[in-house]
Amino acid sequence: TFLHKILSLLIYYGFSLTTRRNLSFLLKKNSRQYKIDTSKRMELAMTLQKVLSRVRQAVADYHMIEEGDRIAVGISGGKDSLTLLLALYELSKFYPKHFTVIAVTVNLGFQNLNLNEIRTLCADRNIPYTVVETSIAQIVFEDRKEDNPCSLCAKMRKGALNDAIKELGCNKIALGHHFDDVIETILMGILYGGQINTMMPKLHSTNFQGMELIRPLYYVKEEDILAWKDYNSLHFLQCACRFTERIAKEQAARGMAGEAADIVHTSKRQEMKELIRSLRKTSPFIDANIMKSVENINLDACLGYVKDGVRRHFMDEYDER
């Protein structure tokens, strides 16, 4: 009996010690997991703050929004347009100038386009949402049988969007171009266009008098948009375009798969992305310096420039100096 008592005590204390060790391990593991989850939440919250801060800064710097504006956002279902819509919606909650955001999608006429998720997203936030039904797909692919349909499709889609926006009483169109789009455009102009120009943060529409185009994501980097997507658990639409689907398959075969709704049908822009990515390895200021290059143009050190459609050369005024 004495031996049994000794064995019982050893088993009890051994079990207690093992249990405490296991419990301690689990607590530490859960604590680490909690810290990771908390850190992730804080990181996402910082992304939300960063995106909204940069949107507000761009809106303020370039006076994009005025009191009473009705701003239309063209929704394709891709990351840029949905981020823009949600960012303006959040901005409208605290921005000192009151404005209304209206979402508009041009349905090109493809049978496999499902807009239910966008409808739900807008309904949950009381954002007015209009779908413009068109036959653009039939015209481009069936009637015209375009081999390279993007230009015609974009032109027709733009016309349908502008008509709808005017009917909705909007005075501004918000475009989803972001910071990376801007600096890529600058490089494309220099390397392939032989000119220095960029996407402007806002401009007057040449087609509709009184309509203004604005780019609230002007300061927002693409990496922040991707993080914003994770924060909002956004699901993007699979692009219904046959041409996009074909390009997506080609890119996937080359190991370049991405969001189909956001594929840009030009190898030049992708080339610019790769070039900027490689330049970042040598300097973290590359992005900012490319942007500053179009803010700090010195006309005294230019061979020529264009103003109001008139080309000027430095020799025109050289002898007058």
Protein backbone atom coordinates (compact mmCIF):
# COMPACT_ATOMS: atom_id res chain seq x y z
CA THR A 1 0.00 0.00 0.00
CA PHE A 2 2.83 2.38 0.75
CA LEU A 3 4.26 1.73 -2.71
CA HIS A 4 0.86 2.38 -4.29
CA LYS A 5 0.61 5.75 -2.50
CA ILE A 6 4.08 6.71 -3.73
CA LEU A 7 3.17 5.77 -7.32
CA SER A 8 -0.15 7.66 -7.08
CA LEU A 9 1.61 10.81 -5.86
CA LEU A 10 4.20 10.60 -8.66
CA ILE A 11 1.49 10.14 -11.28
CA TYR A 12 -0.55 13.03 -9.86
CA TYR A 13 2.31 15.52 -9.69
CA GLY A 14 3.63 14.36 -13.06
CA PHE A 15 0.22 14.93 -14.64
CA SER A 16 -0.12 18.35 -12.93
CA LEU A 17 3.33 19.41 -14.10
CA THR A 18 2.62 18.24 -17.65
CA THR A 19 -0.75 19.99 -17.64
CA ARG A 20 0.75 23.25 -16.39
CA ARG A 21 3.46 23.06 -19.04
CA ASN A 22 0.92 22.36 -21.76
CA LEU A 23 -1.34 25.14 -20.50
CA SER A 24 1.60 27.54 -20.34
CA PHE A 25 2.57 26.60 -23.90
CA LEU A 26 -1.00 27.08 -25.13
CA LEU A 27 -1.27 30.43 -23.41
CA LYS A 28 1.99 31.58 -24.92
CA LYS A 29 0.94 30.29 -28.34
CA ASN A 30 -2.44 31.99 -28.10
CA SER A 31 -0.75 35.15 -26.87
CA ARG A 32 1.56 35.13 -29.87
CA GLN A 33 -1.38 34.46 -32.17
CA TYR A 34 -3.31 37.30 -30.55
CA LYS A 35 -0.34 39.62 -31.04
CA ILE A 36 -0.13 38.56 -34.69
CA ASP A 37 -3.86 39.12 -35.21
CA THR A 38 -3.71 42.47 -33.41
CA SER A 39 -0.67 43.49 -35.43
CA LYS A 40 -2.45 42.52 -38.64
CA ARG A 41 -5.54 44.49 -37.66
CA MET A 42 -3.41 47.52 -36.82
CA GLU A 43 -1.60 47.20 -40.15
CA LEU A 44 -4.88 47.08 -42.05
CA ALA A 45 -6.24 49.99 -40.01
CA MET A 46 -3.12 51.96 -40.93
CA THR A 47 -3.77 51.10 -44.58
CA LEU A 48 -7.32 52.42 -44.28
CA GLN A 49 -6.00 55.61 -42.68
CA LYS A 50 -3.26 55.94 -45.30
CA VAL A 51 -5.63 55.57 -48.25
CA LEU A 52 -8.17 58.02 -46.87
CA SER A 53 -5.43 60.46 -45.87
CA ARG A 54 -3.93 60.43 -49.37
CA VAL A 55 -7.33 60.73 -51.03
CA ARG A 56 -8.20 63.68 -48.83
CA GLN A 57 -4.81 65.28 -49.50
CA ALA A 58 -5.22 64.99 -53.28
CA VAL A 59 -8.79 66.29 -53.11
CA ALA A 60 -7.64 69.28 -51.05
CA ASP A 61 -4.46 70.03 -53.03
CA TYR A 62 -6.26 70.17 -56.37
CA HIS A 63 -9.68 71.40 -55.18
CA MET A 64 -11.43 68.37 -56.63
CA ILE A 65 -14.63 68.55 -54.58
CA GLU A 66 -16.92 71.50 -53.91
CA GLU A 67 -20.08 71.88 -51.88
CA GLY A 68 -23.06 70.09 -53.43
CA ASP A 69 -21.11 68.08 -56.01
CA ARG A 70 -22.73 64.97 -57.45
CA ILE A 71 -19.83 62.68 -58.27
CA ALA A 72 -20.23 59.65 -60.52
CA VAL A 73 -17.87 56.71 -60.18
CA GLY A 74 -17.68 54.34 -63.14
CA ILE A 75 -17.62 50.82 -61.67
CA SER A 76 -15.96 48.07 -63.69
CA GLY A 77 -15.69 45.68 -60.78
CA GLY A 78 -11.90 45.90 -60.60
CA LYS A 79 -9.79 46.92 -57.61
CA ASP A 80 -9.27 50.56 -58.63
CA SER A 81 -12.90 51.50 -59.26
CA LEU A 82 -14.18 49.74 -56.12
CA THR A 83 -11.45 51.27 -53.97
CA LEU A 84 -12.29 54.68 -55.38
CA LEU A 85 -16.00 54.21 -54.67
CA LEU A 86 -15.46 53.11 -51.06
CA ALA A 87 -12.82 55.78 -50.41
CA LEU A 88 -15.15 58.56 -51.59
CA TYR A 89 -17.99 57.04 -49.57
CA GLU A 90 -15.83 57.08 -46.42
CA LEU A 91 -14.57 60.59 -47.22
CA SER A 92 -18.15 61.88 -47.54
CA LYS A 93 -18.73 61.04 -43.87
CA PHE A 94 -16.32 63.65 -42.55
CA TYR A 95 -15.26 65.95 -45.42
CA PRO A 96 -16.27 69.58 -44.66
CA LYS A 97 -17.85 70.02 -48.10
CA HIS A 98 -20.93 67.89 -48.61
CA PHE A 99 -21.12 65.81 -51.77
CA THR A 100 -22.98 62.78 -53.15
CA VAL A 101 -21.39 59.66 -54.63
CA ILE A 102 -23.22 57.72 -57.35
CA ALA A 103 -22.00 54.40 -58.77
CA VAL A 104 -22.52 53.64 -62.46
CA THR A 105 -21.73 50.47 -64.42
CA VAL A 106 -21.92 50.22 -68.20
CA ASN A 107 -23.06 46.69 -69.06
CA LEU A 108 -21.44 45.89 -72.38
CA GLY A 109 -23.91 43.10 -73.05
CA PHE A 110 -21.90 40.00 -72.17
CA GLN A 111 -24.13 37.24 -70.88
CA ASN A 112 -21.87 36.11 -68.03
CA LEU A 113 -21.64 39.44 -66.19
CA ASN A 114 -22.90 39.14 -62.59
CA LEU A 115 -23.30 42.46 -60.77
CA ASN A 116 -24.98 41.11 -57.62
CA GLU A 117 -21.96 41.67 -55.38
CA ILE A 118 -21.68 45.31 -56.47
CA ARG A 119 -25.41 45.80 -55.95
CA THR A 120 -25.09 44.39 -52.42
CA LEU A 121 -22.02 46.50 -51.64
CA CYS A 122 -23.82 49.68 -52.72
CA ALA A 123 -27.12 48.76 -51.04
CA ASP A 124 -25.38 48.11 -47.71
CA ARG A 125 -23.98 51.65 -47.82
CA ASN A 126 -26.98 53.39 -49.39
CA ILE A 127 -24.92 54.34 -52.44
CA PRO A 128 -27.15 54.93 -55.49
CA TYR A 129 -26.23 52.42 -58.19
CA THR A 130 -27.20 52.58 -61.86
CA VAL A 131 -26.54 49.93 -64.51
CA VAL A 132 -26.54 51.18 -68.11
CA GLU A 133 -27.56 48.39 -70.49
CA THR A 134 -25.87 48.48 -73.93
CA SER A 135 -25.17 46.28 -76.95
CA ILE A 136 -21.52 47.27 -77.22
CA ALA A 137 -20.29 43.65 -77.10
CA GLN A 138 -22.46 42.66 -80.05
CA ILE A 139 -21.39 45.69 -82.07
CA VAL A 140 -17.67 45.19 -81.39
CA PHE A 141 -17.42 41.41 -81.59
CA GLU A 142 -20.35 40.32 -83.77
CA ASP A 143 -21.09 43.21 -86.14
CA ARG A 144 -17.64 44.77 -86.51
CA LYS A 145 -15.61 41.66 -85.62
CA GLU A 146 -12.72 43.79 -84.35
CA ASP A 147 -9.37 42.01 -83.98
CA ASN A 148 -8.20 44.64 -81.48
CA PRO A 149 -11.47 45.77 -79.90
CA CYS A 150 -10.22 47.78 -76.91
CA SER A 151 -10.11 51.23 -78.54
CA LEU A 152 -13.61 51.07 -80.04
CA CYS A 153 -15.03 49.42 -76.93
CA ALA A 154 -13.53 52.10 -74.66
CA LYS A 155 -14.85 54.90 -76.86
CA MET A 156 -18.39 53.49 -76.91
CA ARG A 157 -18.32 52.69 -73.20
CA LYS A 158 -17.17 56.23 -72.44
CA GLY A 159 -20.00 57.68 -74.51
CA ALA A 160 -22.62 55.52 -72.78
CA LEU A 161 -21.19 56.42 -69.37
CA ASN A 162 -21.17 60.15 -70.10
CA ASP A 163 -24.79 60.08 -71.33
CA ALA A 164 -25.93 58.27 -68.19
CA ILE A 165 -24.02 60.60 -65.89
CA LYS A 166 -25.62 63.67 -67.45
CA GLU A 167 -29.07 62.12 -67.00
CA LEU A 168 -28.28 61.45 -63.34
CA GLY A 169 -27.49 65.13 -62.81
CA CYS A 170 -23.82 64.59 -61.97
CA ASN A 171 -21.33 67.38 -62.50
CA LYS A 172 -18.15 65.36 -61.93
CA ILE A 173 -16.74 61.98 -62.91
CA ALA A 174 -14.21 60.34 -60.59
CA LEU A 175 -11.63 58.21 -62.40
CA GLY A 176 -9.75 55.36 -60.72
CA HIS A 177 -6.21 56.15 -61.89
CA HIS A 178 -3.74 55.90 -59.01
CA PHE A 179 -0.18 57.06 -58.28
CA ASP A 180 1.45 54.15 -60.12
CA ASP A 181 -0.64 54.85 -63.23
CA VAL A 182 0.58 58.44 -63.17
CA ILE A 183 4.31 57.73 -62.96
CA GLU A 184 4.05 54.90 -65.49
CA THR A 185 2.39 57.33 -67.92
CA ILE A 186 5.22 59.81 -67.43
CA LEU A 187 7.84 57.21 -68.32
CA MET A 188 5.84 55.90 -71.27
CA GLY A 189 5.61 59.42 -72.67
CA ILE A 190 9.37 59.95 -72.37
CA LEU A 191 10.56 56.54 -73.60
CA TYR A 192 7.95 55.79 -76.27
CA GLY A 193 6.26 59.11 -77.04
CA GLY A 194 9.22 61.46 -77.09
CA GLN A 195 7.36 63.92 -74.84
CA ILE A 196 6.94 64.85 -71.20
CA ASN A 197 3.36 64.78 -70.02
CA THR A 198 1.23 63.07 -67.41
CA MET A 199 -2.29 62.32 -66.25
CA MET A 200 -3.66 65.50 -64.76
CA PRO A 201 -5.34 65.33 -61.32
CA LYS A 202 -8.40 67.03 -62.79
CA LEU A 203 -9.51 68.48 -66.11
CA HIS A 204 -12.57 69.82 -67.86
CA SER A 205 -14.42 67.38 -70.10
CA THR A 206 -14.00 68.14 -73.78
CA ASN A 207 -17.26 66.34 -74.63
CA PHE A 208 -19.68 67.74 -72.05
CA GLN A 209 -19.71 71.37 -71.02
CA GLY A 210 -19.73 71.82 -67.25
CA MET A 211 -18.49 68.28 -66.59
CA GLU A 212 -15.20 67.85 -64.74
CA LEU A 213 -13.00 64.76 -64.48
CA ILE A 214 -11.20 64.17 -61.16
CA ARG A 215 -8.68 61.57 -59.97
CA PRO A 216 -8.98 61.26 -56.16
CA LEU A 217 -6.54 58.29 -56.03
CA TYR A 218 -3.78 60.50 -57.46
CA TYR A 219 -1.55 60.03 -54.38
CA VAL A 220 -2.56 56.44 -53.57
CA LYS A 221 -0.07 53.71 -54.47
CA GLU A 222 -1.19 50.43 -55.97
CA GLU A 223 0.22 48.43 -53.04
CA ASP A 224 -2.05 50.38 -50.68
CA ILE A 225 -5.04 49.62 -52.90
CA LEU A 226 -4.26 45.91 -52.67
CA ALA A 227 -4.03 46.16 -48.88
CA TRP A 228 -7.30 48.15 -48.84
CA LYS A 229 -8.85 45.25 -50.77
CA ASP A 230 -7.86 42.87 -47.97
CA TYR A 231 -9.14 45.25 -45.28
CA ASN A 232 -12.57 45.49 -46.92
CA SER A 233 -12.64 41.82 -48.01
CA LEU A 234 -13.40 42.96 -51.54
CA HIS A 235 -14.11 40.41 -54.26
CA PHE A 236 -13.59 41.67 -57.77
CA LEU A 237 -15.61 40.73 -60.80
CA GLN A 238 -14.26 38.28 -63.32
CA CYS A 239 -14.08 40.37 -66.47
CA ALA A 240 -16.69 39.21 -68.99
CA CYS A 241 -14.77 40.46 -72.03
CA ARG A 242 -13.63 37.70 -74.39
CA PHE A 243 -10.50 39.62 -75.34
CA THR A 244 -9.54 40.14 -71.68
CA GLU A 245 -10.16 36.46 -71.02
CA ARG A 246 -7.81 35.54 -73.85
CA ILE A 247 -5.10 37.90 -72.61
CA ALA A 248 -5.56 36.59 -69.06
CA LYS A 249 -4.98 33.03 -70.26
CA GLU A 250 -1.87 34.11 -72.17
CA GLN A 251 -0.51 35.92 -69.10
CA ALA A 252 -1.29 32.94 -66.88
CA ALA A 253 0.63 30.70 -69.25
CA ARG A 254 3.62 33.04 -68.84
CA GLY A 255 3.24 33.07 -65.04
CA MET A 256 1.81 36.61 -64.99
CA ALA A 257 -1.72 35.87 -63.79
CA GLY A 258 -3.60 38.74 -62.15
CA GLU A 259 -7.05 40.18 -61.64
CA ALA A 260 -8.75 39.79 -65.01
CA ALA A 261 -10.83 42.93 -64.50
CA ASP A 262 -7.64 44.98 -64.13
CA ILE A 263 -5.57 43.65 -67.04
CA VAL A 264 -4.15 46.46 -69.14
CA HIS A 265 -3.99 45.48 -72.80
CA THR A 266 -0.53 46.85 -73.43
CA SER A 267 2.88 45.35 -72.83
CA LYS A 268 4.35 48.86 -72.58
CA ARG A 269 2.64 49.69 -69.28
CA GLN A 270 3.70 46.34 -67.85
CA GLU A 271 7.21 47.12 -69.04
CA MET A 272 7.08 50.41 -67.12
CA LYS A 273 5.98 48.57 -63.99
CA GLU A 274 8.97 46.26 -64.26
CA LEU A 275 11.35 49.15 -64.95
CA ILE A 276 10.15 51.12 -61.91
CA ARG A 277 10.34 48.00 -59.76
CA SER A 278 13.97 47.48 -60.74
CA LEU A 279 14.84 51.16 -60.17
CA ARG A 280 13.38 50.99 -56.65
CA LYS A 281 16.16 48.57 -55.76
CA THR A 282 18.73 51.35 -56.22
CA SER A 283 16.71 54.19 -54.71
CA PRO A 284 13.55 54.29 -52.58
CA PHE A 285 12.84 57.81 -53.88
CA ILE A 286 12.39 56.81 -57.53
CA ASP A 287 8.59 56.99 -57.43
CA ALA A 288 8.49 60.43 -55.83
CA ASN A 289 11.21 61.80 -58.12
CA ILE A 290 9.37 60.69 -61.26
CA MET A 291 6.27 62.50 -60.02
CA LYS A 292 8.27 65.62 -59.08
CA SER A 293 9.81 65.72 -62.55
CA VAL A 294 6.52 67.00 -64.00
CA GLU A 295 6.12 69.52 -61.18
CA ASN A 296 9.58 71.06 -61.55
CA ILE A 297 9.92 71.60 -65.30
CA ASN A 298 12.39 74.39 -65.97
CA LEU A 299 11.35 76.11 -69.21
CA ASP A 300 14.66 77.99 -69.27
CA ALA A 301 16.39 74.64 -69.79
CA CYS A 302 13.98 73.14 -72.34
CA LEU A 303 14.54 72.93 -76.08
CA GLY A 304 10.83 73.34 -76.65
CA TYR A 305 7.37 73.00 -75.18
CA VAL A 306 3.70 73.11 -76.16
CA LYS A 307 1.26 75.59 -74.63
CA ASP A 308 -2.43 75.83 -75.63
CA GLY A 309 -1.71 73.69 -78.68
CA VAL A 310 1.07 75.99 -79.91
CA ARG A 311 4.58 74.58 -80.13
CA ARG A 312 7.38 76.86 -78.97
CA HIS A 313 11.13 76.46 -79.40
CA PHE A 314 13.88 78.07 -77.31
CA MET A 315 15.38 79.59 -80.46
CA ASP A 316 12.19 81.63 -80.98
CA GLU A 317 13.23 83.93 -78.14
CA TYR A 318 16.97 83.26 -77.98
CA ASP A 319 18.12 86.46 -79.73
CA GLU A 320 15.76 88.57 -77.60
CA ARG A 321 17.54 87.67 -74.38
